[in-house]
Amino acid sequence: GRGLTPAVPTDYERWQPLHWIIEAPDVILDRGGFDAVIGNPPFLGGQKLSGAMGTAVRDWLVNTIAGGRRGSADLVAYFFLRATSLLQATGCVGLIATNTVAQGDSREVGLDAMVGSGFTITRAIQSRSWPASSANLEYAAVWGTLADVDPEVPRVADDIPVRRISTLLEASGRAEGNPVRLREN
């Protein structure tokens, strides 16, 4: 089998996935993972994953990275999951992405699963315009940790101290769960 070799033309001369255990055994094996992961994952809409990378790579993202959770999640959701999986027990992430990371299938596959597995969002920007005028896009940012965070420690949502931050990247109130569409107005 071709494994994770793309089944579609790419701009790579040769597909070379990075294997963290081989690249950084002292971090992954000896320390249990990274203390922190920071980054700006690439954007690719969920509907375009198979066409851009092939079905085998998309299936690997869904089955291996997302644990079988299906949905039309953007590529950033899988990067968020992978970054979190590379952390040691009290590790932190700081990731910037398009604001779709907190919406629909991308939120359900990524942030919902992360929080469901013990990740705490400690700071968030839900949606802001990219500062450069050359790019017309909205971004979101997420900071968080796998460490236990005392409930009394304030979180920061869009520069405002709050008690908790939901996977929608906004202050979390008493209501829990995913929003649903009303049948009528």
N, C-alpha and C. Protein backbone atom coordinates (compact mmCIF):
# COMPACT_ATOMS: atom_id res chain seq x y z
N GLY A 1 0.82 -1.18 0.00
CA GLY A 1 0.00 0.00 0.00
C GLY A 1 0.87 1.25 0.00
N ARG A 2 0.25 2.31 -0.41
CA ARG A 2 0.94 3.59 -0.51
C ARG A 2 0.85 4.38 0.79
N GLY A 3 0.12 3.86 1.78
CA GLY A 3 0.04 4.54 3.07
C GLY A 3 -0.45 5.97 2.95
N LEU A 4 0.33 6.92 3.46
CA LEU A 4 -0.07 8.32 3.45
C LEU A 4 0.45 9.08 2.24
N THR A 5 0.93 8.37 1.23
CA THR A 5 1.35 9.04 0.00
C THR A 5 0.10 9.60 -0.66
N PRO A 6 0.08 10.90 -1.00
CA PRO A 6 -1.12 11.47 -1.61
C PRO A 6 -1.50 10.74 -2.90
N ALA A 7 -2.78 10.55 -3.10
CA ALA A 7 -3.29 9.91 -4.30
C ALA A 7 -3.63 10.96 -5.35
N VAL A 8 -3.22 12.19 -5.11
CA VAL A 8 -3.48 13.30 -6.03
C VAL A 8 -2.15 14.02 -6.26
N PRO A 9 -2.03 14.75 -7.37
CA PRO A 9 -0.78 15.49 -7.61
C PRO A 9 -0.56 16.55 -6.53
N THR A 10 0.68 16.66 -6.05
CA THR A 10 1.03 17.69 -5.07
C THR A 10 2.26 18.44 -5.58
N ASP A 11 2.63 19.50 -4.87
CA ASP A 11 3.83 20.24 -5.25
C ASP A 11 5.07 19.68 -4.55
N TYR A 12 4.95 18.54 -3.89
CA TYR A 12 6.07 17.91 -3.22
C TYR A 12 6.75 16.94 -4.17
N GLU A 13 8.07 16.94 -4.20
CA GLU A 13 8.77 15.94 -5.01
C GLU A 13 8.63 14.57 -4.38
N ARG A 14 8.60 14.54 -3.07
CA ARG A 14 8.42 13.28 -2.36
C ARG A 14 7.73 13.58 -1.04
N TRP A 15 6.68 12.84 -0.76
CA TRP A 15 5.91 13.04 0.48
C TRP A 15 6.72 12.49 1.64
N GLN A 16 7.01 13.34 2.64
CA GLN A 16 7.82 12.90 3.76
C GLN A 16 7.18 13.31 5.09
N PRO A 17 6.24 12.50 5.59
CA PRO A 17 5.63 12.84 6.88
C PRO A 17 6.68 12.82 7.99
N LEU A 18 6.47 13.63 8.99
CA LEU A 18 7.35 13.69 10.15
C LEU A 18 6.85 12.70 11.20
N HIS A 19 7.72 11.90 11.75
CA HIS A 19 7.37 10.95 12.78
C HIS A 19 8.01 11.44 14.08
N TRP A 20 7.20 11.96 15.00
CA TRP A 20 7.73 12.62 16.19
C TRP A 20 8.57 11.71 17.07
N ILE A 21 8.20 10.43 17.18
CA ILE A 21 8.97 9.53 18.04
C ILE A 21 10.40 9.35 17.50
N ILE A 22 10.53 9.34 16.18
CA ILE A 22 11.86 9.21 15.57
C ILE A 22 12.61 10.55 15.63
N GLU A 23 11.90 11.65 15.38
CA GLU A 23 12.53 12.97 15.34
C GLU A 23 12.93 13.49 16.72
N ALA A 24 12.11 13.21 17.73
CA ALA A 24 12.36 13.77 19.07
C ALA A 24 12.06 12.73 20.16
N PRO A 25 12.80 11.61 20.17
CA PRO A 25 12.48 10.57 21.16
C PRO A 25 12.66 11.04 22.59
N ASP A 26 13.61 11.95 22.83
CA ASP A 26 13.81 12.46 24.20
C ASP A 26 12.59 13.22 24.68
N VAL A 27 11.90 13.89 23.78
CA VAL A 27 10.70 14.65 24.15
C VAL A 27 9.50 13.72 24.28
N ILE A 28 9.25 12.92 23.28
CA ILE A 28 8.04 12.09 23.24
C ILE A 28 8.13 10.93 24.22
N LEU A 29 9.24 10.19 24.20
CA LEU A 29 9.34 8.99 25.05
C LEU A 29 9.79 9.31 26.47
N ASP A 30 10.83 10.13 26.61
CA ASP A 30 11.38 10.38 27.94
C ASP A 30 10.55 11.37 28.76
N ARG A 31 9.99 12.38 28.10
CA ARG A 31 9.25 13.42 28.83
C ARG A 31 7.74 13.31 28.66
N GLY A 32 7.27 12.42 27.80
CA GLY A 32 5.83 12.26 27.62
C GLY A 32 5.20 13.25 26.67
N GLY A 33 6.00 14.09 26.03
CA GLY A 33 5.46 15.05 25.07
C GLY A 33 6.07 16.42 25.27
N PHE A 34 5.60 17.35 24.47
CA PHE A 34 6.12 18.72 24.50
C PHE A 34 5.50 19.52 25.64
N ASP A 35 6.25 20.47 26.17
CA ASP A 35 5.73 21.40 27.17
C ASP A 35 4.74 22.36 26.52
N ALA A 36 5.01 22.73 25.28
CA ALA A 36 4.14 23.68 24.58
C ALA A 36 4.24 23.46 23.08
N VAL A 37 3.13 23.73 22.41
CA VAL A 37 3.09 23.74 20.95
C VAL A 37 2.45 25.06 20.55
N ILE A 38 3.15 25.83 19.72
CA ILE A 38 2.59 27.08 19.21
C ILE A 38 2.61 27.01 17.70
N GLY A 39 1.66 27.66 17.06
CA GLY A 39 1.69 27.61 15.61
C GLY A 39 0.50 28.25 14.94
N ASN A 40 0.56 28.22 13.63
CA ASN A 40 -0.47 28.75 12.75
C ASN A 40 -0.71 27.69 11.68
N PRO A 41 -1.59 26.71 11.99
CA PRO A 41 -1.81 25.61 11.06
C PRO A 41 -2.33 26.10 9.71
N PRO A 42 -2.07 25.35 8.65
CA PRO A 42 -2.57 25.73 7.32
C PRO A 42 -4.08 25.59 7.26
N PHE A 43 -4.70 26.39 6.41
CA PHE A 43 -6.15 26.29 6.25
C PHE A 43 -6.47 25.53 4.97
N LEU A 44 -7.42 24.62 5.08
CA LEU A 44 -8.01 23.95 3.93
C LEU A 44 -9.39 23.53 4.38
N GLY A 45 -10.40 23.99 3.66
CA GLY A 45 -11.79 23.68 4.01
C GLY A 45 -12.06 22.19 3.98
N GLY A 46 -12.94 21.74 4.86
CA GLY A 46 -13.26 20.32 4.99
C GLY A 46 -13.73 19.67 3.71
N GLN A 47 -14.44 20.41 2.87
CA GLN A 47 -14.94 19.86 1.61
C GLN A 47 -13.82 19.64 0.59
N LYS A 48 -12.64 20.22 0.84
CA LYS A 48 -11.55 20.16 -0.13
C LYS A 48 -10.45 19.18 0.26
N LEU A 49 -10.54 18.55 1.43
CA LEU A 49 -9.46 17.68 1.91
C LEU A 49 -9.19 16.51 0.96
N SER A 50 -10.22 15.77 0.59
CA SER A 50 -10.02 14.60 -0.26
C SER A 50 -9.45 14.98 -1.61
N GLY A 51 -9.96 16.05 -2.20
CA GLY A 51 -9.47 16.48 -3.51
C GLY A 51 -8.04 16.96 -3.48
N ALA A 52 -7.64 17.58 -2.38
CA ALA A 52 -6.29 18.13 -2.28
C ALA A 52 -5.25 17.08 -1.85
N MET A 53 -5.67 16.10 -1.04
CA MET A 53 -4.71 15.15 -0.48
C MET A 53 -5.00 13.70 -0.81
N GLY A 54 -6.19 13.43 -1.27
CA GLY A 54 -6.59 12.05 -1.55
C GLY A 54 -7.39 11.46 -0.40
N THR A 55 -8.14 10.45 -0.71
CA THR A 55 -9.02 9.82 0.28
C THR A 55 -8.24 9.14 1.40
N ALA A 56 -7.08 8.54 1.09
CA ALA A 56 -6.30 7.83 2.12
C ALA A 56 -5.84 8.79 3.22
N VAL A 57 -5.38 9.98 2.84
CA VAL A 57 -4.92 10.94 3.84
C VAL A 57 -6.10 11.47 4.66
N ARG A 58 -7.22 11.77 3.98
CA ARG A 58 -8.40 12.24 4.72
C ARG A 58 -8.88 11.17 5.68
N ASP A 59 -8.91 9.91 5.24
CA ASP A 59 -9.33 8.82 6.12
C ASP A 59 -8.40 8.68 7.31
N TRP A 60 -7.09 8.89 7.10
CA TRP A 60 -6.12 8.84 8.20
C TRP A 60 -6.40 9.97 9.19
N LEU A 61 -6.69 11.17 8.69
CA LEU A 61 -7.01 12.28 9.58
C LEU A 61 -8.24 11.95 10.43
N VAL A 62 -9.28 11.45 9.77
CA VAL A 62 -10.54 11.14 10.47
C VAL A 62 -10.35 9.98 11.45
N ASN A 63 -9.73 8.90 11.00
CA ASN A 63 -9.67 7.69 11.82
C ASN A 63 -8.55 7.69 12.86
N THR A 64 -7.41 8.27 12.52
CA THR A 64 -6.28 8.24 13.45
C THR A 64 -6.22 9.50 14.31
N ILE A 65 -6.27 10.65 13.69
CA ILE A 65 -6.15 11.90 14.45
C ILE A 65 -7.44 12.22 15.20
N ALA A 66 -8.60 12.05 14.53
CA ALA A 66 -9.87 12.41 15.16
C ALA A 66 -10.58 11.23 15.80
N GLY A 67 -9.94 10.07 15.86
CA GLY A 67 -10.54 8.92 16.54
C GLY A 67 -11.85 8.45 15.93
N GLY A 68 -12.01 8.66 14.62
CA GLY A 68 -13.21 8.20 13.93
C GLY A 68 -14.35 9.21 13.89
N ARG A 69 -14.17 10.38 14.53
CA ARG A 69 -15.22 11.40 14.50
C ARG A 69 -15.32 11.96 13.09
N ARG A 70 -16.46 11.77 12.47
CA ARG A 70 -16.66 12.21 11.09
C ARG A 70 -17.27 13.60 11.07
N GLY A 71 -17.19 14.22 9.94
CA GLY A 71 -17.73 15.55 9.75
C GLY A 71 -16.87 16.26 8.74
N SER A 72 -17.36 17.34 8.25
CA SER A 72 -16.63 18.09 7.24
C SER A 72 -15.74 19.14 7.91
N ALA A 73 -14.85 18.67 8.77
CA ALA A 73 -13.99 19.57 9.53
C ALA A 73 -12.87 20.12 8.65
N ASP A 74 -12.52 21.38 8.89
CA ASP A 74 -11.38 21.99 8.20
C ASP A 74 -10.10 21.34 8.70
N LEU A 75 -9.03 21.45 7.91
CA LEU A 75 -7.74 20.86 8.26
C LEU A 75 -7.23 21.36 9.62
N VAL A 76 -7.54 22.61 9.97
CA VAL A 76 -7.04 23.16 11.25
C VAL A 76 -7.55 22.36 12.44
N ALA A 77 -8.75 21.80 12.36
CA ALA A 77 -9.28 21.00 13.47
C ALA A 77 -8.37 19.81 13.74
N TYR A 78 -7.87 19.17 12.69
CA TYR A 78 -6.98 18.02 12.85
C TYR A 78 -5.61 18.46 13.38
N PHE A 79 -5.14 19.65 12.97
CA PHE A 79 -3.89 20.17 13.51
C PHE A 79 -4.03 20.46 15.00
N PHE A 80 -5.18 21.02 15.41
CA PHE A 80 -5.41 21.29 16.83
C PHE A 80 -5.38 19.98 17.62
N LEU A 81 -6.05 18.95 17.11
CA LEU A 81 -6.06 17.65 17.79
C LEU A 81 -4.65 17.07 17.88
N ARG A 82 -3.91 17.14 16.78
CA ARG A 82 -2.56 16.57 16.77
C ARG A 82 -1.65 17.34 17.71
N ALA A 83 -1.74 18.66 17.71
CA ALA A 83 -0.91 19.46 18.61
C ALA A 83 -1.17 19.07 20.06
N THR A 84 -2.43 18.91 20.42
CA THR A 84 -2.79 18.54 21.79
C THR A 84 -2.28 17.15 22.13
N SER A 85 -2.33 16.23 21.16
CA SER A 85 -1.88 14.86 21.42
C SER A 85 -0.37 14.78 21.63
N LEU A 86 0.36 15.78 21.20
CA LEU A 86 1.82 15.79 21.36
C LEU A 86 2.28 16.43 22.67
N LEU A 87 1.33 16.88 23.50
CA LEU A 87 1.68 17.53 24.76
C LEU A 87 1.93 16.53 25.87
N GLN A 88 2.81 16.89 26.80
CA GLN A 88 2.94 16.11 28.03
C GLN A 88 1.75 16.47 28.93
N ALA A 89 1.63 15.82 30.04
CA ALA A 89 0.42 15.88 30.88
C ALA A 89 0.00 17.28 31.30
N THR A 90 0.93 18.22 31.41
CA THR A 90 0.57 19.59 31.79
C THR A 90 0.92 20.59 30.68
N GLY A 91 1.03 20.09 29.46
CA GLY A 91 1.43 20.93 28.33
C GLY A 91 0.39 21.96 27.93
N CYS A 92 0.86 22.95 27.18
CA CYS A 92 0.02 24.07 26.73
C CYS A 92 0.10 24.24 25.21
N VAL A 93 -0.95 24.78 24.63
CA VAL A 93 -0.92 25.16 23.22
C VAL A 93 -1.29 26.62 23.08
N GLY A 94 -0.82 27.21 22.01
CA GLY A 94 -1.21 28.54 21.57
C GLY A 94 -1.28 28.47 20.06
N LEU A 95 -2.50 28.43 19.52
CA LEU A 95 -2.67 28.25 18.08
C LEU A 95 -3.57 29.32 17.50
N ILE A 96 -3.22 29.74 16.30
CA ILE A 96 -4.03 30.71 15.57
C ILE A 96 -4.60 29.99 14.35
N ALA A 97 -5.82 30.31 13.99
CA ALA A 97 -6.47 29.63 12.87
C ALA A 97 -7.56 30.54 12.31
N THR A 98 -8.20 30.09 11.27
CA THR A 98 -9.37 30.83 10.80
C THR A 98 -10.47 30.66 11.84
N ASN A 99 -11.41 31.59 11.85
CA ASN A 99 -12.45 31.54 12.88
C ASN A 99 -13.38 30.34 12.73
N THR A 100 -13.28 29.60 11.64
CA THR A 100 -14.11 28.40 11.47
C THR A 100 -13.74 27.29 12.45
N VAL A 101 -12.58 27.41 13.13
CA VAL A 101 -12.18 26.39 14.10
C VAL A 101 -13.21 26.26 15.23
N ALA A 102 -13.97 27.32 15.48
CA ALA A 102 -14.96 27.31 16.55
C ALA A 102 -16.39 27.20 16.01
N GLN A 103 -16.52 26.72 14.78
CA GLN A 103 -17.84 26.65 14.15
C GLN A 103 -18.11 25.25 13.60
N GLY A 104 -19.36 24.82 13.69
CA GLY A 104 -19.84 23.62 13.01
C GLY A 104 -19.01 22.38 13.23
N ASP A 105 -18.80 21.64 12.12
CA ASP A 105 -18.07 20.37 12.18
C ASP A 105 -16.64 20.56 12.66
N SER A 106 -16.00 21.67 12.30
CA SER A 106 -14.61 21.89 12.74
C SER A 106 -14.55 21.99 14.25
N ARG A 107 -15.50 22.69 14.86
CA ARG A 107 -15.55 22.79 16.33
C ARG A 107 -15.85 21.43 16.95
N GLU A 108 -16.82 20.72 16.40
CA GLU A 108 -17.22 19.44 16.97
C GLU A 108 -16.09 18.41 16.90
N VAL A 109 -15.40 18.34 15.76
CA VAL A 109 -14.30 17.38 15.60
C VAL A 109 -13.08 17.80 16.41
N GLY A 110 -12.77 19.09 16.45
CA GLY A 110 -11.57 19.59 17.10
C GLY A 110 -11.76 20.02 18.54
N LEU A 111 -12.20 21.25 18.75
CA LEU A 111 -12.27 21.82 20.10
C LEU A 111 -13.17 21.04 21.05
N ASP A 112 -14.33 20.57 20.56
CA ASP A 112 -15.22 19.79 21.44
C ASP A 112 -14.52 18.53 21.94
N ALA A 113 -13.82 17.83 21.05
CA ALA A 113 -13.11 16.62 21.45
C ALA A 113 -11.97 16.94 22.40
N MET A 114 -11.24 18.01 22.15
CA MET A 114 -10.13 18.40 23.02
C MET A 114 -10.64 18.68 24.44
N VAL A 115 -11.68 19.50 24.54
CA VAL A 115 -12.22 19.85 25.85
C VAL A 115 -12.84 18.61 26.51
N GLY A 116 -13.47 17.77 25.73
CA GLY A 116 -14.04 16.53 26.26
C GLY A 116 -12.98 15.60 26.83
N SER A 117 -11.73 15.76 26.37
CA SER A 117 -10.63 14.92 26.85
C SER A 117 -9.79 15.60 27.93
N GLY A 118 -10.29 16.71 28.48
CA GLY A 118 -9.61 17.34 29.60
C GLY A 118 -8.83 18.61 29.29
N PHE A 119 -8.89 19.08 28.05
CA PHE A 119 -8.21 20.32 27.68
C PHE A 119 -9.02 21.51 28.20
N THR A 120 -8.34 22.52 28.74
CA THR A 120 -9.00 23.73 29.22
C THR A 120 -8.57 24.91 28.36
N ILE A 121 -9.55 25.61 27.80
CA ILE A 121 -9.27 26.83 27.05
C ILE A 121 -9.09 27.95 28.06
N THR A 122 -7.89 28.53 28.10
CA THR A 122 -7.60 29.55 29.10
C THR A 122 -7.68 30.96 28.53
N ARG A 123 -7.56 31.08 27.23
CA ARG A 123 -7.65 32.39 26.58
C ARG A 123 -8.10 32.14 25.15
N ALA A 124 -8.89 33.07 24.61
CA ALA A 124 -9.38 32.89 23.24
C ALA A 124 -9.70 34.22 22.58
N ILE A 125 -9.52 34.24 21.30
CA ILE A 125 -10.03 35.30 20.44
C ILE A 125 -11.00 34.60 19.50
N GLN A 126 -12.25 34.96 19.56
CA GLN A 126 -13.26 34.26 18.76
C GLN A 126 -13.15 34.61 17.29
N SER A 127 -13.04 35.89 16.98
CA SER A 127 -12.96 36.30 15.58
C SER A 127 -12.49 37.74 15.49
N ARG A 128 -11.41 37.94 14.76
CA ARG A 128 -10.89 39.28 14.50
C ARG A 128 -10.39 39.37 13.08
N SER A 129 -10.37 40.56 12.54
CA SER A 129 -9.81 40.76 11.20
C SER A 129 -8.30 40.63 11.27
N TRP A 130 -7.73 39.98 10.25
CA TRP A 130 -6.28 39.85 10.17
C TRP A 130 -5.70 41.24 10.06
N PRO A 131 -4.62 41.55 10.82
CA PRO A 131 -4.12 42.93 10.88
C PRO A 131 -3.57 43.48 9.56
N ALA A 132 -3.12 42.64 8.66
CA ALA A 132 -2.57 43.15 7.39
C ALA A 132 -3.70 43.38 6.39
N SER A 133 -3.67 44.52 5.74
CA SER A 133 -4.73 44.83 4.77
C SER A 133 -4.64 43.96 3.53
N SER A 134 -3.51 43.28 3.33
CA SER A 134 -3.36 42.42 2.15
C SER A 134 -4.17 41.13 2.25
N ALA A 135 -4.61 40.77 3.45
CA ALA A 135 -5.40 39.55 3.64
C ALA A 135 -6.76 39.92 4.21
N ASN A 136 -7.81 39.51 3.52
CA ASN A 136 -9.16 39.79 3.97
C ASN A 136 -9.74 38.52 4.60
N LEU A 137 -9.39 38.31 5.88
CA LEU A 137 -9.90 37.12 6.55
C LEU A 137 -10.06 37.39 8.03
N GLU A 138 -10.86 36.53 8.64
CA GLU A 138 -11.08 36.59 10.08
C GLU A 138 -10.29 35.45 10.71
N TYR A 139 -9.67 35.70 11.85
CA TYR A 139 -8.91 34.66 12.52
C TYR A 139 -9.43 34.47 13.94
N ALA A 140 -9.08 33.32 14.49
CA ALA A 140 -9.35 33.00 15.89
C ALA A 140 -8.03 32.56 16.50
N ALA A 141 -7.93 32.64 17.81
CA ALA A 141 -6.74 32.16 18.51
C ALA A 141 -7.19 31.42 19.77
N VAL A 142 -6.47 30.36 20.08
CA VAL A 142 -6.81 29.53 21.23
C VAL A 142 -5.53 29.25 22.02
N TRP A 143 -5.61 29.50 23.33
CA TRP A 143 -4.56 29.14 24.26
C TRP A 143 -5.19 28.19 25.27
N GLY A 144 -4.48 27.17 25.65
CA GLY A 144 -5.04 26.27 26.64
C GLY A 144 -4.03 25.27 27.13
N THR A 145 -4.51 24.40 28.01
CA THR A 145 -3.61 23.45 28.67
C THR A 145 -4.32 22.15 29.01
N LEU A 146 -3.52 21.11 29.16
CA LEU A 146 -4.01 19.84 29.67
C LEU A 146 -3.93 19.80 31.20
N ALA A 147 -3.20 20.76 31.78
CA ALA A 147 -3.04 20.82 33.24
C ALA A 147 -4.39 21.16 33.90
N ASP A 148 -4.52 20.76 35.16
CA ASP A 148 -5.70 21.18 35.92
C ASP A 148 -5.60 22.68 36.15
N VAL A 149 -6.69 23.38 35.89
CA VAL A 149 -6.72 24.83 36.10
C VAL A 149 -7.80 25.10 37.14
N ASP A 150 -7.41 25.73 38.22
CA ASP A 150 -8.35 26.06 39.29
C ASP A 150 -9.53 26.84 38.70
N PRO A 151 -10.76 26.45 39.02
CA PRO A 151 -11.93 27.14 38.48
C PRO A 151 -11.98 28.64 38.84
N GLU A 152 -11.27 29.03 39.90
CA GLU A 152 -11.27 30.43 40.31
C GLU A 152 -10.30 31.29 39.49
N VAL A 153 -9.41 30.65 38.74
CA VAL A 153 -8.46 31.40 37.91
C VAL A 153 -9.22 31.92 36.70
N PRO A 154 -9.22 33.25 36.49
CA PRO A 154 -9.97 33.79 35.35
C PRO A 154 -9.37 33.37 34.01
N ARG A 155 -10.25 33.14 33.06
CA ARG A 155 -9.87 32.93 31.67
C ARG A 155 -10.06 34.28 30.97
N VAL A 156 -9.58 34.40 29.74
CA VAL A 156 -9.71 35.67 29.02
C VAL A 156 -10.30 35.39 27.64
N ALA A 157 -11.52 35.86 27.42
CA ALA A 157 -12.20 35.71 26.13
C ALA A 157 -12.34 37.08 25.49
N ASP A 158 -11.70 37.25 24.34
CA ASP A 158 -11.72 38.55 23.64
C ASP A 158 -11.36 39.69 24.58
N ASP A 159 -10.27 39.50 25.32
CA ASP A 159 -9.70 40.50 26.23
C ASP A 159 -10.53 40.79 27.48
N ILE A 160 -11.54 39.96 27.75
CA ILE A 160 -12.39 40.17 28.92
C ILE A 160 -12.23 38.98 29.87
N PRO A 161 -11.90 39.23 31.14
CA PRO A 161 -11.82 38.11 32.10
C PRO A 161 -13.19 37.45 32.28
N VAL A 162 -13.21 36.11 32.18
CA VAL A 162 -14.45 35.34 32.32
C VAL A 162 -14.16 34.11 33.18
N ARG A 163 -15.22 33.45 33.63
CA ARG A 163 -15.04 32.26 34.47
C ARG A 163 -14.67 31.03 33.66
N ARG A 164 -15.25 30.88 32.47
CA ARG A 164 -15.00 29.74 31.60
C ARG A 164 -15.14 30.16 30.15
N ILE A 165 -14.45 29.44 29.25
CA ILE A 165 -14.56 29.70 27.82
C ILE A 165 -15.07 28.43 27.15
N SER A 166 -16.11 28.58 26.35
CA SER A 166 -16.70 27.43 25.66
C SER A 166 -15.92 27.14 24.38
N THR A 167 -16.26 26.04 23.74
CA THR A 167 -15.61 25.69 22.47
C THR A 167 -16.08 26.59 21.33
N LEU A 168 -17.06 27.44 21.61
CA LEU A 168 -17.45 28.49 20.65
C LEU A 168 -16.50 29.68 20.78
N LEU A 169 -15.54 29.58 21.72
CA LEU A 169 -14.55 30.61 22.03
C LEU A 169 -15.19 31.89 22.56
N GLU A 170 -16.21 31.69 23.37
CA GLU A 170 -16.87 32.82 24.04
C GLU A 170 -17.08 32.44 25.50
N ALA A 171 -17.40 33.44 26.31
CA ALA A 171 -17.66 33.18 27.72
C ALA A 171 -18.74 32.11 27.82
N SER A 172 -18.51 31.13 28.68
CA SER A 172 -19.45 30.04 28.85
C SER A 172 -20.37 30.37 30.01
N GLY A 173 -21.65 30.27 29.79
CA GLY A 173 -22.62 30.53 30.84
C GLY A 173 -23.07 29.24 31.48
N ARG A 174 -24.28 29.25 31.98
CA ARG A 174 -24.81 28.05 32.64
C ARG A 174 -25.24 26.99 31.63
N ALA A 175 -25.61 27.41 30.42
CA ALA A 175 -26.05 26.46 29.41
C ALA A 175 -24.85 25.68 28.87
N GLU A 176 -25.04 24.40 28.65
CA GLU A 176 -23.99 23.53 28.13
C GLU A 176 -24.44 22.92 26.82
N GLY A 177 -23.51 22.39 26.07
CA GLY A 177 -23.83 21.65 24.84
C GLY A 177 -23.75 22.51 23.61
N ASN A 178 -23.98 21.86 22.48
CA ASN A 178 -23.88 22.52 21.19
C ASN A 178 -25.16 23.28 20.86
N PRO A 179 -25.02 24.44 20.18
CA PRO A 179 -26.22 25.16 19.78
C PRO A 179 -26.99 24.38 18.72
N VAL A 180 -28.30 24.55 18.72
CA VAL A 180 -29.13 23.93 17.69
C VAL A 180 -29.94 25.00 17.01
N ARG A 181 -30.26 24.76 15.73
CA ARG A 181 -31.04 25.70 14.94
C ARG A 181 -32.51 25.62 15.33
N LEU A 182 -33.15 26.77 15.51
CA LEU A 182 -34.57 26.80 15.81
C LEU A 182 -35.37 26.38 14.59
N ARG A 183 -36.48 25.67 14.82
CA ARG A 183 -37.33 25.26 13.69
C ARG A 183 -38.02 26.45 13.04
N GLU A 184 -38.40 27.42 13.90
CA GLU A 184 -39.04 28.63 13.37
C GLU A 184 -38.70 29.80 14.28
N ASN A 185 -38.93 30.98 13.77
CA ASN A 185 -38.60 32.20 14.49
C ASN A 185 -39.59 32.43 15.61
